[in-house]
């Protein structure tokens, strides 16, 4: 619920229109889920060479608290609603980073292809 409500808008560099981050992220992840060699190379450049197996949610939460510099005793005083809002903003920020990395790598690949054709 908060992902939709709190989602900032950013420019969709493919469709050339502003859209909510969560929508662009869904489209990006759909594209990156393709089983294609070029897409695999793109994924590797965006996410790195190794992938993580999903860990326990408690570890994910601790990692988020470290990233956000929130002390665990303070986190425990947050209401469920406050925790949900903090998590939503954190996830949306991560989504925006993935989207920007995808666009940057995509642009680099297009520029490299154009340079090869020009030479």
PDB file of N, CA and C in Angstrom:
ATOM      1  N   UNK A   1       0.823  -1.182   0.000  1.00  0.00           N
ATOM      2  CA  UNK A   1       0.000   0.000   0.000  1.00  0.00           C
ATOM      3  C   UNK A   1       0.878   1.262   0.000  1.00  0.00           C
ATOM      4  N   UNK A   2       1.881   1.309   0.877  1.00  0.00           N
ATOM      5  CA  UNK A   2       2.718   2.501   0.964  1.00  0.00           C
ATOM      6  C   UNK A   2       3.641   2.645  -0.245  1.00  0.00           C
ATOM      7  N   UNK A   3       3.985   1.534  -0.901  1.00  0.00           N
ATOM      8  CA  UNK A   3       4.815   1.651  -2.094  1.00  0.00           C
ATOM      9  C   UNK A   3       4.109   2.484  -3.153  1.00  0.00           C
ATOM     10  N   UNK A   4       2.822   2.298  -3.276  1.00  0.00           N
ATOM     11  CA  UNK A   4       2.050   3.072  -4.251  1.00  0.00           C
ATOM     12  C   UNK A   4       1.850   4.497  -3.749  1.00  0.00           C
ATOM     13  N   UNK A   5       1.455   4.621  -2.495  1.00  0.00           N
ATOM     14  CA  UNK A   5       1.135   5.931  -1.926  1.00  0.00           C
ATOM     15  C   UNK A   5       2.347   6.856  -1.849  1.00  0.00           C
ATOM     16  N   UNK A   6       3.505   6.313  -1.490  1.00  0.00           N
ATOM     17  CA  UNK A   6       4.696   7.136  -1.267  1.00  0.00           C
ATOM     18  C   UNK A   6       5.628   7.204  -2.478  1.00  0.00           C
ATOM     19  N   UNK A   7       5.284   6.499  -3.537  1.00  0.00           N
ATOM     20  CA  UNK A   7       6.181   6.418  -4.680  1.00  0.00           C
ATOM     21  C   UNK A   7       6.422   7.777  -5.330  1.00  0.00           C
ATOM     22  N   UNK A   8       7.690   8.200  -5.380  1.00  0.00           N
ATOM     23  CA  UNK A   8       7.982   9.439  -6.120  1.00  0.00           C
ATOM     24  C   UNK A   8       7.898   9.149  -7.614  1.00  0.00           C
ATOM     25  N   UNK A   9       7.804  10.199  -8.384  1.00  0.00           N
ATOM     26  CA  UNK A   9       7.777  10.051  -9.833  1.00  0.00           C
ATOM     27  C   UNK A   9       9.162  10.330 -10.376  1.00  0.00           C
ATOM     28  N   UNK A  10       9.506   9.652 -11.438  1.00  0.00           N
ATOM     29  CA  UNK A  10      10.759   9.921 -12.129  1.00  0.00           C
ATOM     30  C   UNK A  10      10.516   9.770 -13.622  1.00  0.00           C
ATOM     31  N   UNK A  11      11.427  10.295 -14.396  1.00  0.00           N
ATOM     32  CA  UNK A  11      11.279  10.225 -15.843  1.00  0.00           C
ATOM     33  C   UNK A  11      11.581   8.817 -16.334  1.00  0.00           C
ATOM     34  N   UNK A  12      10.631   8.232 -17.013  1.00  0.00           N
ATOM     35  CA  UNK A  12      10.840   6.953 -17.680  1.00  0.00           C
ATOM     36  C   UNK A  12      11.610   7.285 -18.959  1.00  0.00           C
ATOM     37  N   UNK A  13      12.900   6.935 -18.992  1.00  0.00           N
ATOM     38  CA  UNK A  13      13.756   7.334 -20.113  1.00  0.00           C
ATOM     39  C   UNK A  13      13.451   6.560 -21.390  1.00  0.00           C
ATOM     40  N   UNK A  14      12.666   5.508 -21.282  1.00  0.00           N
ATOM     41  CA  UNK A  14      12.289   4.754 -22.480  1.00  0.00           C
ATOM     42  C   UNK A  14      11.000   5.320 -23.064  1.00  0.00           C
ATOM     43  N   UNK A  15       9.998   5.518 -22.214  1.00  0.00           N
ATOM     44  CA  UNK A  15       8.714   6.048 -22.684  1.00  0.00           C
ATOM     45  C   UNK A  15       8.693   7.569 -22.741  1.00  0.00           C
ATOM     46  N   UNK A  16       9.730   8.194 -22.170  1.00  0.00           N
ATOM     47  CA  UNK A  16       9.883   9.656 -22.179  1.00  0.00           C
ATOM     48  C   UNK A  16       8.752  10.390 -21.454  1.00  0.00           C
ATOM     49  N   UNK A  17       8.231   9.775 -20.407  1.00  0.00           N
ATOM     50  CA  UNK A  17       7.184  10.411 -19.596  1.00  0.00           C
ATOM     51  C   UNK A  17       7.471  10.156 -18.125  1.00  0.00           C
ATOM     52  N   UNK A  18       7.019  11.050 -17.232  1.00  0.00           N
ATOM     53  CA  UNK A  18       7.174  10.791 -15.798  1.00  0.00           C
ATOM     54  C   UNK A  18       6.192   9.701 -15.353  1.00  0.00           C
ATOM     55  N   UNK A  19       6.691   8.802 -14.528  1.00  0.00           N
ATOM     56  CA  UNK A  19       5.858   7.709 -14.005  1.00  0.00           C
ATOM     57  C   UNK A  19       6.283   7.401 -12.572  1.00  0.00           C
ATOM     58  N   UNK A  20       5.417   6.735 -11.789  1.00  0.00           N
ATOM     59  CA  UNK A  20       5.818   6.336 -10.437  1.00  0.00           C
ATOM     60  C   UNK A  20       6.985   5.342 -10.483  1.00  0.00           C
ATOM     61  N   UNK A  21       7.881   5.464  -9.530  1.00  0.00           N
ATOM     62  CA  UNK A  21       9.060   4.601  -9.464  1.00  0.00           C
ATOM     63  C   UNK A  21       8.670   3.126  -9.470  1.00  0.00           C
ATOM     64  N   UNK A  22       7.649   2.757  -8.697  1.00  0.00           N
ATOM     65  CA  UNK A  22       7.310   1.340  -8.599  1.00  0.00           C
ATOM     66  C   UNK A  22       6.853   0.780  -9.943  1.00  0.00           C
ATOM     67  N   UNK A  23       6.225   1.596 -10.799  1.00  0.00           N
ATOM     68  CA  UNK A  23       5.789   1.127 -12.127  1.00  0.00           C
ATOM     69  C   UNK A  23       6.996   0.924 -13.051  1.00  0.00           C
ATOM     70  N   UNK A  24       7.918   1.880 -13.038  1.00  0.00           N
ATOM     71  CA  UNK A  24       9.115   1.756 -13.879  1.00  0.00           C
ATOM     72  C   UNK A  24       9.935   0.552 -13.420  1.00  0.00           C
ATOM     73  N   UNK A  25      10.035   0.353 -12.113  1.00  0.00           N
ATOM     74  CA  UNK A  25      10.783  -0.773 -11.563  1.00  0.00           C
ATOM     75  C   UNK A  25      10.175  -2.090 -12.027  1.00  0.00           C
ATOM     76  N   UNK A  26       8.848  -2.185 -11.991  1.00  0.00           N
ATOM     77  CA  UNK A  26       8.179  -3.421 -12.435  1.00  0.00           C
ATOM     78  C   UNK A  26       8.486  -3.690 -13.907  1.00  0.00           C
ATOM     79  N   UNK A  27       8.437  -2.662 -14.732  1.00  0.00           N
ATOM     80  CA  UNK A  27       8.767  -2.825 -16.155  1.00  0.00           C
ATOM     81  C   UNK A  27      10.226  -3.232 -16.339  1.00  0.00           C
ATOM     82  N   UNK A  28      11.111  -2.608 -15.573  1.00  0.00           N
ATOM     83  CA  UNK A  28      12.543  -2.917 -15.658  1.00  0.00           C
ATOM     84  C   UNK A  28      12.799  -4.366 -15.283  1.00  0.00           C
ATOM     85  N   UNK A  29      12.204  -4.811 -14.184  1.00  0.00           N
ATOM     86  CA  UNK A  29      12.421  -6.186 -13.741  1.00  0.00           C
ATOM     87  C   UNK A  29      11.796  -7.185 -14.707  1.00  0.00           C
ATOM     88  N   UNK A  30      10.674  -6.835 -15.318  1.00  0.00           N
ATOM     89  CA  UNK A  30      10.094  -7.699 -16.357  1.00  0.00           C
ATOM     90  C   UNK A  30      11.074  -7.863 -17.516  1.00  0.00           C
ATOM     91  N   UNK A  31      11.658  -6.750 -17.948  1.00  0.00           N
ATOM     92  CA  UNK A  31      12.628  -6.812 -19.038  1.00  0.00           C
ATOM     93  C   UNK A  31      13.835  -7.654 -18.631  1.00  0.00           C
ATOM     94  N   UNK A  32      14.344  -7.441 -17.424  1.00  0.00           N
ATOM     95  CA  UNK A  32      15.545  -8.146 -16.976  1.00  0.00           C
ATOM     96  C   UNK A  32      15.297  -9.622 -16.688  1.00  0.00           C
ATOM     97  N   UNK A  33      14.050 -10.040 -16.652  1.00  0.00           N
ATOM     98  CA  UNK A  33      13.750 -11.454 -16.400  1.00  0.00           C
ATOM     99  C   UNK A  33      13.826 -12.290 -17.679  1.00  0.00           C
ATOM    100  N   UNK A  34      14.042 -11.643 -18.825  1.00  0.00           N
ATOM    101  CA  UNK A  34      14.155 -12.362 -20.087  1.00  0.00           C
ATOM    102  C   UNK A  34      15.378 -13.272 -20.079  1.00  0.00           C
ATOM    103  N   UNK A  35      15.237 -14.402 -20.746  1.00  0.00           N
ATOM    104  CA  UNK A  35      16.344 -15.353 -20.849  1.00  0.00           C
ATOM    105  C   UNK A  35      17.067 -15.093 -22.170  1.00  0.00           C
ATOM    106  N   UNK A  36      17.963 -14.114 -22.150  1.00  0.00           N
ATOM    107  CA  UNK A  36      18.680 -13.686 -23.346  1.00  0.00           C
ATOM    108  C   UNK A  36      20.108 -13.346 -22.931  1.00  0.00           C
ATOM    109  N   UNK A  37      21.061 -13.646 -23.785  1.00  0.00           N
ATOM    110  CA  UNK A  37      22.474 -13.417 -23.442  1.00  0.00           C
ATOM    111  C   UNK A  37      22.777 -11.940 -23.191  1.00  0.00           C
ATOM    112  N   UNK A  38      22.233 -11.061 -24.033  1.00  0.00           N
ATOM    113  CA  UNK A  38      22.476  -9.625 -23.849  1.00  0.00           C
ATOM    114  C   UNK A  38      21.852  -9.120 -22.553  1.00  0.00           C
ATOM    115  N   UNK A  39      20.673  -9.627 -22.234  1.00  0.00           N
ATOM    116  CA  UNK A  39      20.009  -9.223 -20.984  1.00  0.00           C
ATOM    117  C   UNK A  39      20.803  -9.750 -19.789  1.00  0.00           C
ATOM    118  N   UNK A  40      21.347 -10.951 -19.907  1.00  0.00           N
ATOM    119  CA  UNK A  40      22.172 -11.510 -18.825  1.00  0.00           C
ATOM    120  C   UNK A  40      23.405 -10.645 -18.566  1.00  0.00           C
ATOM    121  N   UNK A  41      24.032 -10.162 -19.636  1.00  0.00           N
ATOM    122  CA  UNK A  41      25.192  -9.271 -19.481  1.00  0.00           C
ATOM    123  C   UNK A  41      24.784  -7.965 -18.812  1.00  0.00           C
ATOM    124  N   UNK A  42      23.636  -7.453 -19.218  1.00  0.00           N
ATOM    125  CA  UNK A  42      23.124  -6.217 -18.626  1.00  0.00           C
ATOM    126  C   UNK A  42      22.841  -6.409 -17.139  1.00  0.00           C
ATOM    127  N   UNK A  43      22.209  -7.525 -16.788  1.00  0.00           N
ATOM    128  CA  UNK A  43      21.922  -7.836 -15.371  1.00  0.00           C
ATOM    129  C   UNK A  43      23.201  -7.899 -14.556  1.00  0.00           C
ATOM    130  N   UNK A  44      24.213  -8.541 -15.128  1.00  0.00           N
ATOM    131  CA  UNK A  44      25.483  -8.681 -14.418  1.00  0.00           C
ATOM    132  C   UNK A  44      26.111  -7.315 -14.154  1.00  0.00           C
ATOM    133  N   UNK A  45      25.991  -6.392 -15.118  1.00  0.00           N
ATOM    134  CA  UNK A  45      26.549  -5.054 -14.930  1.00  0.00           C
ATOM    135  C   UNK A  45      25.758  -4.262 -13.897  1.00  0.00           C
ATOM    136  N   UNK A  46      24.463  -4.484 -13.831  1.00  0.00           N
ATOM    137  CA  UNK A  46      23.624  -3.748 -12.882  1.00  0.00           C
ATOM    138  C   UNK A  46      23.766  -4.290 -11.466  1.00  0.00           C
ATOM    139  N   UNK A  47      23.643  -5.611 -11.338  1.00  0.00           N
ATOM    140  CA  UNK A  47      23.604  -6.230 -10.009  1.00  0.00           C
ATOM    141  C   UNK A  47      24.923  -6.826  -9.559  1.00  0.00           C
ATOM    142  N   UNK A  48      25.918  -6.863 -10.425  1.00  0.00           N
ATOM    143  CA  UNK A  48      27.192  -7.474 -10.075  1.00  0.00           C
ATOM    144  C   UNK A  48      27.203  -8.938 -10.463  1.00  0.00           C
ATOM    145  N   UNK A  49      28.341  -9.571 -10.240  1.00  0.00           N
ATOM    146  CA  UNK A  49      28.520 -10.957 -10.668  1.00  0.00           C
ATOM    147  C   UNK A  49      27.841 -11.986  -9.815  1.00  0.00           C
ATOM    148  N   UNK A  50      27.574 -11.672  -8.571  1.00  0.00           N
ATOM    149  CA  UNK A  50      26.972 -12.675  -7.696  1.00  0.00           C
ATOM    150  C   UNK A  50      25.578 -12.232  -7.285  1.00  0.00           C
ATOM    151  N   UNK A  51      24.761 -13.210  -7.053  1.00  0.00           N
ATOM    152  CA  UNK A  51      23.415 -12.900  -6.568  1.00  0.00           C
ATOM    153  C   UNK A  51      23.268 -13.506  -5.183  1.00  0.00           C
ATOM    154  N   UNK A  52      22.417 -12.915  -4.420  1.00  0.00           N
ATOM    155  CA  UNK A  52      22.211 -13.369  -3.059  1.00  0.00           C
ATOM    156  C   UNK A  52      20.983 -14.256  -2.992  1.00  0.00           C
ATOM    157  N   UNK A  53      21.099 -15.300  -2.217  1.00  0.00           N
ATOM    158  CA  UNK A  53      19.920 -16.103  -1.913  1.00  0.00           C
ATOM    159  C   UNK A  53      19.136 -15.300  -0.897  1.00  0.00           C
ATOM    160  N   UNK A  54      17.806 -15.314  -1.031  1.00  0.00           N
ATOM    161  CA  UNK A  54      16.993 -14.525  -0.098  1.00  0.00           C
ATOM    162  C   UNK A  54      17.285 -14.965   1.335  1.00  0.00           C
ATOM    163  N   UNK A  55      17.562 -13.993   2.159  1.00  0.00           N
ATOM    164  CA  UNK A  55      17.864 -14.272   3.554  1.00  0.00           C
ATOM    165  C   UNK A  55      16.607 -14.104   4.401  1.00  0.00           C
ATOM    166  N   UNK A  56      16.733 -14.430   5.628  1.00  0.00           N
ATOM    167  CA  UNK A  56      15.647 -14.262   6.590  1.00  0.00           C
ATOM    168  C   UNK A  56      15.260 -12.784   6.652  1.00  0.00           C
ATOM    169  N   UNK A  57      13.985 -12.495   6.768  1.00  0.00           N
ATOM    170  CA  UNK A  57      13.513 -11.104   6.806  1.00  0.00           C
ATOM    171  C   UNK A  57      14.151 -10.307   7.944  1.00  0.00           C
ATOM    172  N   UNK A  58      14.489 -10.973   9.041  1.00  0.00           N
ATOM    173  CA  UNK A  58      15.117 -10.256  10.160  1.00  0.00           C
ATOM    174  C   UNK A  58      16.476  -9.706   9.750  1.00  0.00           C
ATOM    175  N   UNK A  59      17.232 -10.488   8.956  1.00  0.00           N
ATOM    176  CA  UNK A  59      18.536 -10.015   8.492  1.00  0.00           C
ATOM    177  C   UNK A  59      18.368  -8.854   7.516  1.00  0.00           C
ATOM    178  N   UNK A  60      17.352  -8.953   6.650  1.00  0.00           N
ATOM    179  CA  UNK A  60      17.078  -7.847   5.727  1.00  0.00           C
ATOM    180  C   UNK A  60      16.748  -6.581   6.503  1.00  0.00           C
ATOM    181  N   UNK A  61      15.962  -6.737   7.558  1.00  0.00           N
ATOM    182  CA  UNK A  61      15.566  -5.583   8.366  1.00  0.00           C
ATOM    183  C   UNK A  61      16.778  -4.977   9.065  1.00  0.00           C
ATOM    184  N   UNK A  62      17.654  -5.810   9.609  1.00  0.00           N
ATOM    185  CA  UNK A  62      18.862  -5.308  10.273  1.00  0.00           C
ATOM    186  C   UNK A  62      19.737  -4.559   9.257  1.00  0.00           C
ATOM    187  N   UNK A  63      19.874  -5.103   8.057  1.00  0.00           N
ATOM    188  CA  UNK A  63      20.645  -4.426   7.017  1.00  0.00           C
ATOM    189  C   UNK A  63      20.057  -3.068   6.676  1.00  0.00           C
ATOM    190  N   UNK A  64      18.735  -2.998   6.616  1.00  0.00           N
ATOM    191  CA  UNK A  64      18.065  -1.735   6.336  1.00  0.00           C
ATOM    192  C   UNK A  64      18.338  -0.731   7.460  1.00  0.00           C
ATOM    193  N   UNK A  65      18.242  -1.192   8.711  1.00  0.00           N
ATOM    194  CA  UNK A  65      18.479  -0.298   9.849  1.00  0.00           C
ATOM    195  C   UNK A  65      19.908   0.241   9.835  1.00  0.00           C
ATOM    196  N   UNK A  66      20.862  -0.608   9.470  1.00  0.00           N
ATOM    197  CA  UNK A  66      22.260  -0.167   9.375  1.00  0.00           C
ATOM    198  C   UNK A  66      22.388   0.875   8.271  1.00  0.00           C
ATOM    199  N   UNK A  67      21.794   0.593   7.105  1.00  0.00           N
ATOM    200  CA  UNK A  67      21.853   1.552   5.984  1.00  0.00           C
ATOM    201  C   UNK A  67      21.240   2.896   6.359  1.00  0.00           C
ATOM    202  N   UNK A  68      20.156   2.853   7.112  1.00  0.00           N
ATOM    203  CA  UNK A  68      19.440   4.079   7.471  1.00  0.00           C
ATOM    204  C   UNK A  68      19.936   4.704   8.772  1.00  0.00           C
ATOM    205  N   UNK A  69      20.892   4.024   9.426  1.00  0.00           N
ATOM    206  CA  UNK A  69      21.456   4.514  10.683  1.00  0.00           C
ATOM    207  C   UNK A  69      20.377   4.683  11.763  1.00  0.00           C
ATOM    208  N   UNK A  70      19.521   3.676  11.881  1.00  0.00           N
ATOM    209  CA  UNK A  70      18.483   3.667  12.914  1.00  0.00           C
ATOM    210  C   UNK A  70      18.871   2.620  13.950  1.00  0.00           C
ATOM    211  N   UNK A  71      18.943   3.018  15.215  1.00  0.00           N
ATOM    212  CA  UNK A  71      19.289   2.085  16.286  1.00  0.00           C
ATOM    213  C   UNK A  71      18.139   1.116  16.532  1.00  0.00           C
ATOM    214  N   UNK A  72      18.482  -0.136  16.818  1.00  0.00           N
ATOM    215  CA  UNK A  72      17.474  -1.166  17.041  1.00  0.00           C
ATOM    216  C   UNK A  72      16.515  -0.821  18.180  1.00  0.00           C
ATOM    217  N   UNK A  73      16.999  -0.312  19.333  1.00  0.00           N
ATOM    218  CA  UNK A  73      16.046   0.044  20.393  1.00  0.00           C
ATOM    219  C   UNK A  73      15.044   1.116  19.949  1.00  0.00           C
ATOM    220  N   UNK A  74      15.511   2.065  19.141  1.00  0.00           N
ATOM    221  CA  UNK A  74      14.603   3.096  18.633  1.00  0.00           C
ATOM    222  C   UNK A  74      13.625   2.481  17.651  1.00  0.00           C
ATOM    223  N   UNK A  75      14.112   1.588  16.763  1.00  0.00           N
ATOM    224  CA  UNK A  75      13.254   0.921  15.787  1.00  0.00           C
ATOM    225  C   UNK A  75      12.120   0.161  16.484  1.00  0.00           C
ATOM    226  N   UNK A  76      12.430  -0.439  17.601  1.00  0.00           N
ATOM    227  CA  UNK A  76      11.409  -1.226  18.327  1.00  0.00           C
ATOM    228  C   UNK A  76      10.302  -0.352  18.901  1.00  0.00           C
ATOM    229  N   UNK A  77      10.554   0.942  19.017  1.00  0.00           N
ATOM    230  CA  UNK A  77       9.511   1.844  19.526  1.00  0.00           C
ATOM    231  C   UNK A  77       8.572   2.326  18.418  1.00  0.00           C
ATOM    232  N   UNK A  78       8.930   2.105  17.157  1.00  0.00           N
ATOM    233  CA  UNK A  78       8.095   2.539  16.037  1.00  0.00           C
ATOM    234  C   UNK A  78       6.801   1.714  15.993  1.00  0.00           C
ATOM    235  N   UNK A  79       5.733   2.362  15.573  1.00  0.00           N
ATOM    236  CA  UNK A  79       4.480   1.635  15.366  1.00  0.00           C
ATOM    237  C   UNK A  79       4.591   0.821  14.073  1.00  0.00           C
ATOM    238  N   UNK A  80       3.680  -0.088  13.866  1.00  0.00           N
ATOM    239  CA  UNK A  80       3.671  -0.882  12.632  1.00  0.00           C
ATOM    240  C   UNK A  80       3.556   0.038  11.418  1.00  0.00           C
ATOM    241  N   UNK A  81       2.722   1.056  11.522  1.00  0.00           N
ATOM    242  CA  UNK A  81       2.530   2.003  10.412  1.00  0.00           C
ATOM    243  C   UNK A  81       3.836   2.747  10.122  1.00  0.00           C
ATOM    244  N   UNK A  82       4.525   3.209  11.165  1.00  0.00           N
ATOM    245  CA  UNK A  82       5.788   3.921  10.968  1.00  0.00           C
ATOM    246  C   UNK A  82       6.838   3.005  10.325  1.00  0.00           C
ATOM    247  N   UNK A  83       6.895   1.758  10.791  1.00  0.00           N
ATOM    248  CA  UNK A  83       7.843   0.806  10.213  1.00  0.00           C
ATOM    249  C   UNK A  83       7.527   0.553   8.743  1.00  0.00           C
ATOM    250  N   UNK A  84       6.250   0.417   8.422  1.00  0.00           N
ATOM    251  CA  UNK A  84       5.851   0.173   7.037  1.00  0.00           C
ATOM    252  C   UNK A  84       6.239   1.342   6.144  1.00  0.00           C
ATOM    253  N   UNK A  85       6.079   2.561   6.645  1.00  0.00           N
ATOM    254  CA  UNK A  85       6.433   3.738   5.851  1.00  0.00           C
ATOM    255  C   UNK A  85       7.944   3.832   5.641  1.00  0.00           C
ATOM    256  N   UNK A  86       8.718   3.538   6.680  1.00  0.00           N
ATOM    257  CA  UNK A  86      10.180   3.574   6.555  1.00  0.00           C
ATOM    258  C   UNK A  86      10.630   2.518   5.545  1.00  0.00           C
ATOM    259  N   UNK A  87      10.076   1.313   5.654  1.00  0.00           N
ATOM    260  CA  UNK A  87      10.442   0.240   4.725  1.00  0.00           C
ATOM    261  C   UNK A  87      10.058   0.595   3.297  1.00  0.00           C
ATOM    262  N   UNK A  88       8.885   1.161   3.119  1.00  0.00           N
ATOM    263  CA  UNK A  88       8.437   1.535   1.772  1.00  0.00           C
ATOM    264  C   UNK A  88       9.385   2.557   1.156  1.00  0.00           C
ATOM    265  N   UNK A  89       9.758   3.570   1.921  1.00  0.00           N
ATOM    266  CA  UNK A  89      10.686   4.581   1.396  1.00  0.00           C
ATOM    267  C   UNK A  89      12.047   3.970   1.071  1.00  0.00           C
ATOM    268  N   UNK A  90      12.498   3.058   1.912  1.00  0.00           N
ATOM    269  CA  UNK A  90      13.773   2.381   1.687  1.00  0.00           C
ATOM    270  C   UNK A  90      13.710   1.551   0.400  1.00  0.00           C
ATOM    271  N   UNK A  91      12.649   0.770   0.235  1.00  0.00           N
ATOM    272  CA  UNK A  91      12.496  -0.052  -0.966  1.00  0.00           C
ATOM    273  C   UNK A  91      12.383   0.815  -2.213  1.00  0.00           C
ATOM    274  N   UNK A  92      11.640   1.914  -2.124  1.00  0.00           N
ATOM    275  CA  UNK A  92      11.490   2.810  -3.268  1.00  0.00           C
ATOM    276  C   UNK A  92      12.830   3.428  -3.659  1.00  0.00           C
ATOM    277  N   UNK A  93      13.648   3.774  -2.668  1.00  0.00           N
ATOM    278  CA  UNK A  93      14.981   4.305  -2.952  1.00  0.00           C
ATOM    279  C   UNK A  93      15.823   3.252  -3.672  1.00  0.00           C
ATOM    280  N   UNK A  94      15.757   2.011  -3.193  1.00  0.00           N
ATOM    281  CA  UNK A  94      16.504   0.931  -3.845  1.00  0.00           C
ATOM    282  C   UNK A  94      16.003   0.709  -5.272  1.00  0.00           C
ATOM    283  N   UNK A  95      14.688   0.793  -5.466  1.00  0.00           N
ATOM    284  CA  UNK A  95      14.117   0.639  -6.804  1.00  0.00           C
ATOM    285  C   UNK A  95      14.652   1.727  -7.738  1.00  0.00           C
ATOM    286  N   UNK A  96      14.681   2.957  -7.261  1.00  0.00           N
ATOM    287  CA  UNK A  96      15.178   4.068  -8.075  1.00  0.00           C
ATOM    288  C   UNK A  96      16.644   3.849  -8.440  1.00  0.00           C
ATOM    289  N   UNK A  97      17.435   3.318  -7.524  1.00  0.00           N
ATOM    290  CA  UNK A  97      18.847   3.045  -7.816  1.00  0.00           C
ATOM    291  C   UNK A  97      18.986   1.982  -8.899  1.00  0.00           C
ATOM    292  N   UNK A  98      18.165   0.931  -8.826  1.00  0.00           N
ATOM    293  CA  UNK A  98      18.198  -0.117  -9.846  1.00  0.00           C
ATOM    294  C   UNK A  98      17.793   0.459 -11.209  1.00  0.00           C
ATOM    295  N   UNK A  99      16.733   1.259 -11.220  1.00  0.00           N
ATOM    296  CA  UNK A  99      16.265   1.866 -12.470  1.00  0.00           C
ATOM    297  C   UNK A  99      17.355   2.736 -13.089  1.00  0.00           C
ATOM    298  N   UNK A 100      17.976   3.586 -12.287  1.00  0.00           N
ATOM    299  CA  UNK A 100      19.038   4.460 -12.801  1.00  0.00           C
ATOM    300  C   UNK A 100      20.229   3.655 -13.310  1.00  0.00           C
ATOM    301  N   UNK A 101      20.594   2.602 -12.601  1.00  0.00           N
ATOM    302  CA  UNK A 101      21.692   1.739 -13.058  1.00  0.00           C
ATOM    303  C   UNK A 101      21.335   1.080 -14.386  1.00  0.00           C
ATOM    304  N   UNK A 102      20.090   0.630 -14.497  1.00  0.00           N
ATOM    305  CA  UNK A 102      19.623   0.001 -15.737  1.00  0.00           C
ATOM    306  C   UNK A 102      19.703   0.992 -16.902  1.00  0.00           C
ATOM    307  N   UNK A 103      19.172   2.192 -16.693  1.00  0.00           N
ATOM    308  CA  UNK A 103      19.199   3.200 -17.757  1.00  0.00           C
ATOM    309  C   UNK A 103      20.635   3.555 -18.148  1.00  0.00           C
ATOM    310  N   UNK A 104      21.506   3.740 -17.156  1.00  0.00           N
ATOM    311  CA  UNK A 104      22.895   4.098 -17.437  1.00  0.00           C
ATOM    312  C   UNK A 104      23.602   3.007 -18.243  1.00  0.00           C
ATOM    313  N   UNK A 105      23.433   1.747 -17.836  1.00  0.00           N
ATOM    314  CA  UNK A 105      24.064   0.634 -18.555  1.00  0.00           C
ATOM    315  C   UNK A 105      23.476   0.487 -19.953  1.00  0.00           C
ATOM    316  N   UNK A 106      22.177   0.636 -20.064  1.00  0.00           N
ATOM    317  CA  UNK A 106      21.499   0.560 -21.364  1.00  0.00           C
ATOM    318  C   UNK A 106      22.040   1.639 -22.296  1.00  0.00           C
ATOM    319  N   UNK A 107      22.157   2.866 -21.776  1.00  0.00           N
ATOM    320  CA  UNK A 107      22.694   3.971 -22.584  1.00  0.00           C
ATOM    321  C   UNK A 107      24.129   3.706 -23.018  1.00  0.00           C
ATOM    322  N   UNK A 108      24.954   3.147 -22.108  1.00  0.00           N
ATOM    323  CA  UNK A 108      26.341   2.816 -22.450  1.00  0.00           C
ATOM    324  C   UNK A 108      26.393   1.778 -23.564  1.00  0.00           C
ATOM    325  N   UNK A 109      25.534   0.758 -23.463  1.00  0.00           N
ATOM    326  CA  UNK A 109      25.511  -0.293 -24.480  1.00  0.00           C
ATOM    327  C   UNK A 109      25.087   0.269 -25.840  1.00  0.00           C
ATOM    328  N   UNK A 110      24.108   1.147 -25.829  1.00  0.00           N
ATOM    329  CA  UNK A 110      23.651   1.769 -27.080  1.00  0.00           C
ATOM    330  C   UNK A 110      24.759   2.633 -27.672  1.00  0.00           C
ATOM    331  N   UNK A 111      25.432   3.433 -26.841  1.00  0.00           N
ATOM    332  CA  UNK A 111      26.530   4.278 -27.314  1.00  0.00           C
ATOM    333  C   UNK A 111      27.667   3.434 -27.877  1.00  0.00           C
ATOM    334  N   UNK A 112      28.001   2.332 -27.192  1.00  0.00           N
ATOM    335  CA  UNK A 112      29.065   1.442 -27.679  1.00  0.00           C
ATOM    336  C   UNK A 112      28.696   0.833 -29.029  1.00  0.00           C
ATOM    337  N   UNK A 113      27.443   0.438 -29.178  1.00  0.00           N
ATOM    338  CA  UNK A 113      26.999  -0.132 -30.453  1.00  0.00           C
ATOM    339  C   UNK A 113      27.074   0.903 -31.566  1.00  0.00           C
ATOM    340  N   UNK A 114      26.669   2.135 -31.259  1.00  0.00           N
ATOM    341  CA  UNK A 114      26.732   3.210 -32.261  1.00  0.00           C
ATOM    342  C   UNK A 114      28.187   3.497 -32.650  1.00  0.00           C
ATOM    343  N   UNK A 115      29.088   3.483 -31.677  1.00  0.00           N
ATOM    344  CA  UNK A 115      30.502   3.738 -31.952  1.00  0.00           C
ATOM    345  C   UNK A 115      31.110   2.635 -32.819  1.00  0.00           C
ATOM    346  N   UNK A 116      30.707   1.386 -32.588  1.00  0.00           N
ATOM    347  CA  UNK A 116      31.215   0.281 -33.401  1.00  0.00           C
ATOM    348  C   UNK A 116      30.735   0.402 -34.841  1.00  0.00           C
ATOM    349  N   UNK A 117      29.488   0.818 -35.012  1.00  0.00           N
ATOM    350  CA  UNK A 117      28.935   0.984 -36.362  1.00  0.00           C
ATOM    351  C   UNK A 117      29.642   2.140 -37.060  1.00  0.00           C
ATOM    352  N   UNK A 118      29.918   3.213 -36.316  1.00  0.00           N
ATOM    353  CA  UNK A 118      30.565   4.392 -36.900  1.00  0.00           C
ATOM    354  C   UNK A 118      32.009   4.109 -37.308  1.00  0.00           C
ATOM    355  N   UNK A 119      32.659   3.187 -36.633  1.00  0.00           N
ATOM    356  CA  UNK A 119      34.060   2.889 -36.931  1.00  0.00           C
ATOM    357  C   UNK A 119      34.107   1.867 -37.980  1.00  0.00           C
TER     358      UNK A 119
END
